[in-house]
Protein backbone atom coordinates (compact mmCIF):
# COMPACT_ATOMS: atom_id res chain seq x y z
CA MET A 1 56.72 27.50 44.87
CA LEU A 2 57.75 30.38 43.25
CA ILE A 3 59.11 33.40 44.81
CA ASN A 4 60.06 36.70 43.36
CA ILE A 5 63.46 37.98 43.40
CA HIS A 6 63.26 40.73 45.85
CA GLU A 7 61.79 37.89 48.23
CA ALA A 8 64.63 35.57 47.35
CA LYS A 9 67.59 38.53 48.60
CA THR A 10 65.75 39.20 51.36
CA HIS A 11 65.27 35.43 52.80
CA LEU A 12 68.13 33.77 50.83
CA SER A 13 69.52 31.96 53.90
CA ARG A 14 66.12 30.64 55.02
CA LEU A 15 65.68 29.55 51.22
CA VAL A 16 68.81 27.83 51.10
CA GLU A 17 68.11 25.87 54.19
CA ARG A 18 64.73 24.97 52.74
CA ALA A 19 66.14 23.77 49.40
CA ALA A 20 69.05 21.69 51.26
CA ALA A 21 66.24 19.88 52.99
CA GLY A 22 64.56 18.87 49.75
CA GLU A 23 62.19 21.77 48.71
CA GLU A 24 62.76 22.69 45.04
CA ILE A 25 62.38 26.90 45.01
CA ILE A 26 61.67 28.80 41.81
CA ILE A 27 62.81 32.29 41.94
CA GLY A 28 61.29 34.50 39.24
CA LYS A 29 61.08 38.12 38.01
CA ALA A 30 58.19 39.97 37.26
CA GLY A 31 56.03 36.54 37.76
CA ARG A 32 58.47 34.39 35.13
CA PRO A 33 60.81 31.71 36.33
CA ARG A 34 63.97 32.86 35.89
CA ALA A 35 66.13 30.37 38.58
CA ARG A 36 65.85 27.06 40.26
CA LEU A 37 67.40 26.72 43.55
CA VAL A 38 67.98 22.86 44.90
CA ALA A 39 70.02 20.99 47.22
CA TYR A 40 73.57 20.42 46.03
CA THR A 41 74.84 16.69 45.73
CA GLU A 42 77.99 15.76 44.57
CA LYS A 43 78.38 13.57 41.49
CA PHE A 44 80.92 11.03 42.46
CA ARG A 45 81.46 8.34 40.17
CA PRO A 46 83.96 5.90 41.18
CA ARG A 47 87.68 5.76 38.83
CA GLN A 48 86.90 3.23 35.91
CA PRO A 49 90.03 1.74 34.88
CA GLY A 50 90.46 2.16 31.00
CA ALA A 51 88.18 4.87 30.86
CA LEU A 52 90.56 7.16 28.51
CA ARG A 53 92.07 4.04 26.58
CA GLY A 54 92.78 5.15 23.32
CA ARG A 55 92.37 8.79 23.83
CA LEU A 56 95.78 9.37 25.32
CA TRP A 57 99.09 8.82 23.62
CA ILE A 58 102.43 8.72 25.70
CA ALA A 59 105.95 8.84 23.89
CA ASP A 60 108.13 6.19 24.17
CA ASP A 61 110.76 8.36 25.84
CA PHE A 62 108.57 10.25 28.29
CA ASP A 63 110.82 8.64 31.42
CA GLU A 64 113.99 9.83 29.67
CA THR A 65 115.19 13.51 30.96
CA PRO A 66 117.38 15.04 28.17
CA ASP A 67 120.73 16.05 29.52
CA SER A 68 120.21 19.84 28.60
CA LEU A 69 117.36 20.01 30.93
CA LEU A 70 119.31 18.48 33.65
CA ASP A 71 122.10 20.69 32.90
CA ALA A 72 119.68 23.65 33.17
CA PHE A 73 118.25 22.46 36.80
CA GLU A 74 122.04 22.14 37.82
CA GLY A 75 123.18 25.38 36.82
CA ARG A 76 125.59 24.02 33.92
CA GLY A 77 126.31 25.10 30.57
CA GLU A 78 125.65 28.60 30.66
């Protein structure tokens, strides 16, 4: 269904409800399609273990906190 932009602005709430119910609304300007209003759906994909394997690198000393950083947090060594 093609609706001009002025009418779409006037009836936006109604059009959103229609789109949420599954109807595809095409919004046009000067009779030419410009946008499509459709129902929103979550694009949920379950986590896939190992999906980033080979794409991340973690340093060997990742879990070690330098003494200089500890001193800064504890207010020592100023």
